[in-house]
């Protein structure tokens, strides 16, 4: 089984070098309008901060999973003791 895996890895490694060069995506560029929008947003945010207004927008992300409570057996053992 080890020989078969080594053969698969050898094929994957030799093929990975040629495919990664061929499938390289062009570097993404930021448009002038996009850059101007970012600059305007930053200026607005800093002006609000300097004026004393705290406007903080948090990025929408995953919510933390609720913590599990102690299992029933452990809870019952504590209650009995």
Foldseek 3Di string as FASTA:
>chain_A
DVVVVVVVVVVCVVVVVVVCVVPDDDDDDDDPVRVVVVVVVVVVQVVCVVVPHHDDDDDDDDDDDDDDDDDPVVVVVVVVD
